[in-house]
C-alpha atoms as a PDB file:
ATOM      1  CA  MET A   1     -23.168 -12.478   9.759  1.00  0.00           C
ATOM      2  CA  SER A   2     -21.735  -9.031   8.671  1.00  0.00           C
ATOM      3  CA  ASN A   3     -22.687  -7.406   5.269  1.00  0.00           C
ATOM      4  CA  ARG A   4     -20.585  -7.830   2.245  1.00  0.00           C
ATOM      5  CA  PRO A   5     -18.396  -4.876   1.439  1.00  0.00           C
ATOM      6  CA  LYS A   6     -19.385  -2.459  -1.044  1.00  0.00           C
ATOM      7  CA  PRO A   7     -16.264  -0.889  -2.936  1.00  0.00           C
ATOM      8  CA  ARG A   8     -16.863   2.346  -4.769  1.00  0.00           C
ATOM      9  CA  ARG A   9     -13.978   2.009  -7.227  1.00  0.00           C
ATOM     10  CA  ILE A  10     -10.625   0.313  -7.983  1.00  0.00           C
ATOM     11  CA  GLY A  11      -7.993   2.410  -6.315  1.00  0.00           C
ATOM     12  CA  HIS A  12      -4.253   2.287  -6.436  1.00  0.00           C
ATOM     13  CA  VAL A  13      -1.569  -0.383  -7.420  1.00  0.00           C
ATOM     14  CA  VAL A  14       1.596  -1.234  -5.680  1.00  0.00           C
ATOM     15  CA  LEU A  15       4.459  -2.781  -7.539  1.00  0.00           C
ATOM     16  CA  ASN A  16       7.787  -4.510  -6.402  1.00  0.00           C
ATOM     17  CA  VAL A  17      10.598  -3.184  -8.439  1.00  0.00           C
ATOM     18  CA  ARG A  18      14.298  -3.972  -8.967  1.00  0.00           C
ATOM     19  CA  ASP A  19      15.459  -0.468  -9.321  1.00  0.00           C
ATOM     20  CA  LEU A  20      13.275   2.300  -7.750  1.00  0.00           C
ATOM     21  CA  ARG A  21      15.366   5.102  -9.161  1.00  0.00           C
ATOM     22  CA  LYS A  22      14.728   3.804 -12.702  1.00  0.00           C
ATOM     23  CA  SER A  23      11.102   3.014 -12.217  1.00  0.00           C
ATOM     24  CA  VAL A  24      10.239   6.317 -10.867  1.00  0.00           C
ATOM     25  CA  GLU A  25      12.024   8.041 -13.803  1.00  0.00           C
ATOM     26  CA  PHE A  26      10.191   5.646 -16.212  1.00  0.00           C
ATOM     27  CA  TYR A  27       6.730   6.387 -14.557  1.00  0.00           C
ATOM     28  CA  THR A  28       7.353  10.104 -14.372  1.00  0.00           C
ATOM     29  CA  LYS A  29       9.083  10.492 -17.847  1.00  0.00           C
ATOM     30  CA  MET A  30       7.325   8.151 -19.996  1.00  0.00           C
ATOM     31  CA  VAL A  31       4.045   7.632 -18.435  1.00  0.00           C
ATOM     32  CA  GLY A  32       3.563  11.159 -16.921  1.00  0.00           C
ATOM     33  CA  LEU A  33       2.694  10.630 -13.285  1.00  0.00           C
ATOM     34  CA  GLU A  34       3.850  13.048 -10.619  1.00  0.00           C
ATOM     35  CA  VAL A  35       5.551  12.122  -7.317  1.00  0.00           C
ATOM     36  CA  SER A  36       3.516  12.544  -4.238  1.00  0.00           C
ATOM     37  CA  ASP A  37       6.188  11.252  -1.573  1.00  0.00           C
ATOM     38  CA  TYR A  38       9.137   8.793  -0.925  1.00  0.00           C
ATOM     39  CA  ILE A  39       9.794   6.500   2.006  1.00  0.00           C
ATOM     40  CA  GLU A  40      13.624   7.024   1.905  1.00  0.00           C
ATOM     41  CA  ASP A  41      15.118   4.848  -0.838  1.00  0.00           C
ATOM     42  CA  GLN A  42      12.522   1.974  -0.227  1.00  0.00           C
ATOM     43  CA  MET A  43       9.078   3.337  -1.947  1.00  0.00           C
ATOM     44  CA  ALA A  44       7.734   6.095  -4.022  1.00  0.00           C
ATOM     45  CA  PHE A  45       4.299   7.219  -4.384  1.00  0.00           C
ATOM     46  CA  LEU A  46       2.873   8.673  -7.751  1.00  0.00           C
ATOM     47  CA  ARG A  47      -0.318   9.967  -9.069  1.00  0.00           C
ATOM     48  CA  CYS A  48      -2.054  10.928 -12.044  1.00  0.00           C
ATOM     49  CA  SER A  49      -5.510  11.944 -10.246  1.00  0.00           C
ATOM     50  CA  ALA A  50      -6.497  13.639  -7.060  1.00  0.00           C
ATOM     51  CA  ASP A  51      -5.548  10.793  -5.021  1.00  0.00           C
ATOM     52  CA  HIS A  52      -2.364  10.940  -3.285  1.00  0.00           C
ATOM     53  CA  HIS A  53      -1.143   7.848  -4.966  1.00  0.00           C
ATOM     54  CA  ASP A  54      -2.370   5.875  -7.877  1.00  0.00           C
ATOM     55  CA  LEU A  55       0.663   3.734  -8.208  1.00  0.00           C
ATOM     56  CA  ALA A  56       3.313   3.067  -5.492  1.00  0.00           C
ATOM     57  CA  LEU A  57       6.607   1.572  -6.073  1.00  0.00           C
ATOM     58  CA  ALA A  58       8.396  -0.780  -3.437  1.00  0.00           C
ATOM     59  CA  GLN A  59      12.215  -1.362  -3.762  1.00  0.00           C
ATOM     60  CA  ILE A  60      13.084  -5.147  -3.824  1.00  0.00           C
ATOM     61  CA  PRO A  61      16.240  -5.424  -1.817  1.00  0.00           C
ATOM     62  CA  PRO A  62      19.254  -6.262  -3.845  1.00  0.00           C
ATOM     63  CA  GLY A  63      20.352  -9.771  -3.233  1.00  0.00           C
ATOM     64  CA  HIS A  64      16.721 -10.791  -2.159  1.00  0.00           C
ATOM     65  CA  PRO A  65      16.218 -14.552  -2.850  1.00  0.00           C
ATOM     66  CA  LEU A  66      13.100 -13.734  -5.130  1.00  0.00           C
ATOM     67  CA  HIS A  67      14.717 -10.642  -6.721  1.00  0.00           C
ATOM     68  CA  GLU A  68      14.625 -12.385 -10.219  1.00  0.00           C
ATOM     69  CA  HIS A  69      11.483 -14.422  -9.622  1.00  0.00           C
ATOM     70  CA  THR A  70       8.004 -13.351 -10.791  1.00  0.00           C
ATOM     71  CA  TYR A  71       4.567 -14.232  -9.445  1.00  0.00           C
ATOM     72  CA  ARG A  72       5.449 -14.499  -5.883  1.00  0.00           C
ATOM     73  CA  PRO A  73       5.152 -12.140  -2.761  1.00  0.00           C
ATOM     74  CA  GLY A  74       8.733 -10.256  -2.958  1.00  0.00           C
ATOM     75  CA  ARG A  75       9.062 -10.500  -6.495  1.00  0.00           C
ATOM     76  CA  PRO A  76       9.061  -7.941  -9.462  1.00  0.00           C
ATOM     77  CA  GLY A  77       5.575  -7.086 -10.240  1.00  0.00           C
ATOM     78  CA  LEU A  78       2.179  -6.761  -8.387  1.00  0.00           C
ATOM     79  CA  GLU A  79       2.439  -6.429  -4.497  1.00  0.00           C
ATOM     80  CA  HIS A  80      -1.131  -5.527  -4.215  1.00  0.00           C
ATOM     81  CA  PHE A  81      -4.184  -3.809  -5.803  1.00  0.00           C
ATOM     82  CA  SER A  82      -6.856  -1.861  -3.885  1.00  0.00           C
ATOM     83  CA  TYR A  83     -10.612  -1.108  -3.853  1.00  0.00           C
ATOM     84  CA  GLN A  84     -11.905   1.971  -2.083  1.00  0.00           C
ATOM     85  CA  LEU A  85     -14.358   1.936   0.782  1.00  0.00           C
ATOM     86  CA  GLY A  86     -16.079   4.838   2.426  1.00  0.00           C
ATOM     87  CA  SER A  87     -14.818   4.940   6.127  1.00  0.00           C
ATOM     88  CA  LEU A  88     -12.919   3.435   9.157  1.00  0.00           C
ATOM     89  CA  GLU A  89     -16.235   1.662  10.191  1.00  0.00           C
ATOM     90  CA  GLU A  90     -16.704   0.186   6.547  1.00  0.00           C
ATOM     91  CA  ILE A  91     -13.141  -1.190   6.696  1.00  0.00           C
ATOM     92  CA  GLU A  92     -13.779  -2.714  10.242  1.00  0.00           C
ATOM     93  CA  ALA A  93     -16.840  -4.335   9.088  1.00  0.00           C
ATOM     94  CA  ALA A  94     -15.051  -5.640   6.004  1.00  0.00           C
ATOM     95  CA  ALA A  95     -12.531  -7.281   8.213  1.00  0.00           C
ATOM     96  CA  LYS A  96     -15.060  -8.937  10.224  1.00  0.00           C
ATOM     97  CA  TYR A  97     -16.784 -10.133   7.096  1.00  0.00           C
ATOM     98  CA  LEU A  98     -13.613 -11.376   5.605  1.00  0.00           C
ATOM     99  CA  GLN A  99     -12.760 -13.138   8.926  1.00  0.00           C
ATOM    100  CA  GLU A 100     -16.318 -14.832   9.162  1.00  0.00           C
ATOM    101  CA  HIS A 101     -15.553 -16.245   5.521  1.00  0.00           C
ATOM    102  CA  GLU A 102     -12.318 -17.427   6.545  1.00  0.00           C
ATOM    103  CA  VAL A 103     -10.288 -15.110   4.235  1.00  0.00           C
ATOM    104  CA  PRO A 104      -6.776 -14.739   4.980  1.00  0.00           C
ATOM    105  CA  ILE A 105      -5.956 -11.259   6.126  1.00  0.00           C
ATOM    106  CA  VAL A 106      -2.373 -10.072   5.597  1.00  0.00           C
ATOM    107  CA  ARG A 107      -2.186  -6.763   7.387  1.00  0.00           C
ATOM    108  CA  GLY A 108      -4.286  -4.107   8.901  1.00  0.00           C
ATOM    109  CA  VAL A 109      -6.608  -2.410  10.006  1.00  0.00           C
ATOM    110  CA  GLY A 110      -3.971   0.483  10.008  1.00  0.00           C
ATOM    111  CA  LYS A 111      -3.293   3.836   8.701  1.00  0.00           C
ATOM    112  CA  HIS A 112      -0.379   4.581   6.363  1.00  0.00           C
ATOM    113  CA  GLY A 113       2.015   7.722   6.396  1.00  0.00           C
ATOM    114  CA  PRO A 114       2.312   8.751   2.963  1.00  0.00           C
ATOM    115  CA  GLY A 115      -1.240   9.163   1.587  1.00  0.00           C
ATOM    116  CA  GLU A 116      -2.661   8.798   5.370  1.00  0.00           C
ATOM    117  CA  ASN A 117      -4.936   6.126   3.934  1.00  0.00           C
ATOM    118  CA  LEU A 118      -6.570   3.556   6.065  1.00  0.00           C
ATOM    119  CA  PHE A 119      -5.765  -0.086   4.836  1.00  0.00           C
ATOM    120  CA  LEU A 120      -6.897  -3.773   5.239  1.00  0.00           C
ATOM    121  CA  VAL A 121      -4.968  -6.097   3.008  1.00  0.00           C
ATOM    122  CA  PHE A 122      -6.191  -9.811   2.335  1.00  0.00           C
ATOM    123  CA  GLU A 123      -5.465 -12.769  -0.066  1.00  0.00           C
ATOM    124  CA  ASP A 124      -7.613 -13.677  -2.865  1.00  0.00           C
ATOM    125  CA  PRO A 125      -7.872 -17.585  -3.728  1.00  0.00           C
ATOM    126  CA  ASP A 126      -4.849 -17.398  -5.779  1.00  0.00           C
ATOM    127  CA  GLY A 127      -2.778 -15.575  -3.216  1.00  0.00           C
ATOM    128  CA  ASN A 128      -2.952 -12.228  -4.618  1.00  0.00           C
ATOM    129  CA  TYR A 129      -2.957  -9.284  -2.105  1.00  0.00           C
ATOM    130  CA  CYS A 130      -6.064  -7.236  -2.232  1.00  0.00           C
ATOM    131  CA  GLU A 131      -6.599  -4.023  -0.103  1.00  0.00           C
ATOM    132  CA  PHE A 132      -9.411  -2.267   0.846  1.00  0.00           C
ATOM    133  CA  TYR A 133      -8.485   1.430   1.800  1.00  0.00           C
ATOM    134  CA  ALA A 134     -10.380   4.646   2.762  1.00  0.00           C
ATOM    135  CA  GLU A 135      -9.624   8.366   3.629  1.00  0.00           C
ATOM    136  CA  MET A 136      -6.735   8.954   1.212  1.00  0.00           C
ATOM    137  CA  VAL A 137      -5.099  12.413   0.950  1.00  0.00           C
ATOM    138  CA  GLN A 138      -6.557  14.387  -1.956  1.00  0.00           C
ATOM    139  CA  VAL A 139      -4.319  16.656  -3.965  1.00  0.00           C
ATOM    140  CA  THR A 140      -5.970  19.324  -5.833  1.00  0.00           C
ATOM    141  CA  PRO A 141      -5.355  22.922  -6.887  1.00  0.00           C
ATOM    142  CA  GLU A 142      -7.213  23.929  -3.608  1.00  0.00           C
ATOM    143  CA  GLN A 143      -5.317  21.196  -1.614  1.00  0.00           C
ATOM    144  CA  PRO A 144      -1.793  21.167  -2.928  1.00  0.00           C
ATOM    145  CA  HIS A 145       0.943  18.631  -1.698  1.00  0.00           C
ATOM    146  CA  THR A 146       4.567  19.077  -1.452  1.00  0.00           C
ATOM    147  CA  PRO A 147       6.386  15.879  -1.922  1.00  0.00           C
ATOM    148  CA  ARG A 148       8.470  14.737   1.232  1.00  0.00           C
ATOM    149  CA  VAL A 149      10.716  11.882   2.075  1.00  0.00           C
ATOM    150  CA  TRP A 150       9.445   9.943   5.054  1.00  0.00           C
ATOM    151  CA  PRO A 151      11.849   8.267   7.296  1.00  0.00           C
ATOM    152  CA  ASN A 152      11.667   4.359   6.932  1.00  0.00           C
ATOM    153  CA  ASP A 153      10.053   3.818  10.326  1.00  0.00           C
ATOM    154  CA  ILE A 154       6.960   2.390  11.854  1.00  0.00           C
ATOM    155  CA  HIS A 155       4.872   5.596  11.296  1.00  0.00           C
ATOM    156  CA  ALA A 156       5.412   5.528   7.436  1.00  0.00           C
ATOM    157  CA  PHE A 157       3.958   2.156   7.718  1.00  0.00           C
ATOM    158  CA  ASP A 158       1.283   2.385  10.197  1.00  0.00           C
ATOM    159  CA  GLN A 159       0.739   5.584  12.037  1.00  0.00           C
ATOM    160  CA  TRP A 160      -1.516   3.463  14.712  1.00  0.00           C
ATOM    161  CA  GLU A 161       1.577   1.299  15.445  1.00  0.00           C
ATOM    162  CA  PHE A 162      -0.456  -1.836  14.971  1.00  0.00           C
ATOM    163  CA  ARG A 163      -2.934  -1.102  17.683  1.00  0.00           C
ATOM    164  CA  ARG A 164      -5.932  -1.788  15.311  1.00  0.00           C
ATOM    165  CA  PHE A 165      -4.553  -4.806  13.476  1.00  0.00           C
ATOM    166  CA  VAL A 166      -6.882  -7.730  13.437  1.00  0.00           C
ATOM    167  CA  VAL A 167      -3.986 -10.234  12.737  1.00  0.00           C
ATOM    168  CA  PRO A 168      -0.509 -10.367  14.370  1.00  0.00           C
ATOM    169  CA  PRO A 169       1.592  -7.668  12.899  1.00  0.00           C
ATOM    170  CA  PRO A 170       4.163  -8.364  10.546  1.00  0.00           C
ATOM    171  CA  GLU A 171       7.940  -8.662  11.254  1.00  0.00           C
ATOM    172  CA  TRP A 172       8.639  -5.012  10.366  1.00  0.00           C
ATOM    173  CA  GLY A 173      11.286  -2.746  10.406  1.00  0.00           C
ATOM    174  CA  PRO A 174      14.453  -1.444   8.410  1.00  0.00           C
ATOM    175  CA  ALA A 175      17.016  -4.277   7.891  1.00  0.00           C
ATOM    176  CA  LYS A 176      19.298  -4.794  10.703  1.00  0.00           C
ATOM    177  CA  THR A 177      23.141  -4.913  10.065  1.00  0.00           C
ATOM    178  CA  ASP A 178      25.216  -6.720  12.526  1.00  0.00           C
END
């Protein structure tokens, strides 16, 4: 039996939003956060600390059936919250521990593009998405960061292209138009 994970602190939050531009404007002008990166017009990563992002905003596609709903995946509001672990080894051990206890794993183990953090997302008893993460880019005066726009491709989502996933990878990719 694996050892229980030992989070160091609560980390970032990801929100689903109806209007990414309006939300970025609100969180920068009203709350005082700084933009770290974007994934095209789909996500924005903002910070108020040395972490690459303390808040990420994910655009809900217009016309999505849950666009106006709350308290469901794909709806406005919380997508996931996170806890920091110390390393890839700790995240892999956490994945094993969660599996041993039959906790549903949603995605991961992977490595995001923006922030370059490792991730493992799983469900709590109410279906909320919780993430263990590690090794996020730090932004300091000694290590400045210039915001960039990442293409909406697999490397923005998982630089390892699902090779370390402990569950089947999600259907992923930009929406196809026929």
